[in-house]
Amino acid sequence: MNNKIISDDGTKKATRPPSFVKLAMKNMVRKGSQSLSHFGLTALGFLGFILLVAVLGKPHIPQ
């Protein structure tokens, strides 16, 4: 007995899976305003964190 597996590799094009960037962009377009609001909240949180670190890390120089 010969257990050959016949595949139709010749008929299918060898396509690479889509990149993570393309999938993320497709997801962002599909979800619309939810993605924008999450991005805005993330940006505000990051700016707040940077400002907090700047205020707490400011050296105190007596005059």
Protein backbone atom coordinates (compact mmCIF):
# COMPACT_ATOMS: atom_id res chain seq x y z
CA MET A 1 0.00 0.00 0.00
CA ASN A 2 1.15 3.44 -0.81
CA ASN A 3 -0.05 6.17 1.59
CA LYS A 4 0.55 9.24 -0.55
CA ILE A 5 -1.25 12.40 0.36
CA ILE A 6 -2.26 14.30 -2.70
CA SER A 7 -2.33 18.04 -2.22
CA ASP A 8 -3.23 20.78 -4.60
CA ASP A 9 -0.25 23.00 -3.81
CA GLY A 10 0.14 23.83 -7.47
CA THR A 11 -3.29 25.44 -7.68
CA LYS A 12 -3.00 27.62 -4.59
CA LYS A 13 -0.88 30.74 -4.52
CA ALA A 14 1.67 30.89 -1.77
CA THR A 15 0.42 33.87 0.20
CA ARG A 16 1.94 35.09 3.39
CA PRO A 17 -0.34 35.73 6.35
CA PRO A 18 -1.15 39.42 6.80
CA SER A 19 1.23 41.37 9.00
CA PHE A 20 0.29 42.48 12.49
CA VAL A 21 0.24 46.10 11.35
CA LYS A 22 -2.29 45.34 8.62
CA LEU A 23 -4.46 43.39 11.05
CA ALA A 24 -4.30 46.22 13.59
CA MET A 25 -5.25 48.80 10.97
CA LYS A 26 -8.16 46.66 9.78
CA ASN A 27 -9.31 46.25 13.40
CA MET A 28 -9.05 50.00 14.01
CA VAL A 29 -11.12 50.84 10.94
CA ARG A 30 -13.76 48.27 11.87
CA LYS A 31 -14.14 49.45 15.47
CA GLY A 32 -14.02 53.16 14.63
CA SER A 33 -14.68 55.53 17.52
CA GLN A 34 -13.93 52.93 20.20
CA SER A 35 -10.34 52.68 18.96
CA LEU A 36 -10.01 56.46 18.87
CA SER A 37 -11.33 56.85 22.39
CA HIS A 38 -8.98 54.17 23.71
CA PHE A 39 -6.07 55.83 21.91
CA GLY A 40 -7.05 59.21 23.40
CA LEU A 41 -7.29 57.79 26.92
CA THR A 42 -3.93 56.09 26.52
CA ALA A 43 -2.34 59.32 25.25
CA LEU A 44 -3.78 61.34 28.15
CA GLY A 45 -2.66 58.74 30.67
CA PHE A 46 0.85 58.69 29.23
CA LEU A 47 1.10 62.50 29.25
CA GLY A 48 -0.18 62.57 32.83
CA PHE A 49 2.41 60.00 33.87
CA ILE A 50 5.23 61.95 32.20
CA LEU A 51 4.11 65.18 33.90
CA LEU A 52 3.89 63.42 37.27
CA VAL A 53 7.40 62.03 36.91
CA ALA A 54 8.65 65.49 35.84
CA VAL A 55 7.06 67.20 38.87
CA LEU A 56 8.20 64.58 41.39
CA GLY A 57 11.67 64.31 39.91
CA LYS A 58 12.34 68.05 39.76
CA PRO A 59 15.39 68.85 41.85
CA HIS A 60 14.78 71.26 44.69
CA ILE A 61 17.53 73.87 44.74
CA PRO A 62 17.43 76.20 47.77
CA GLN A 63 18.14 79.87 47.05
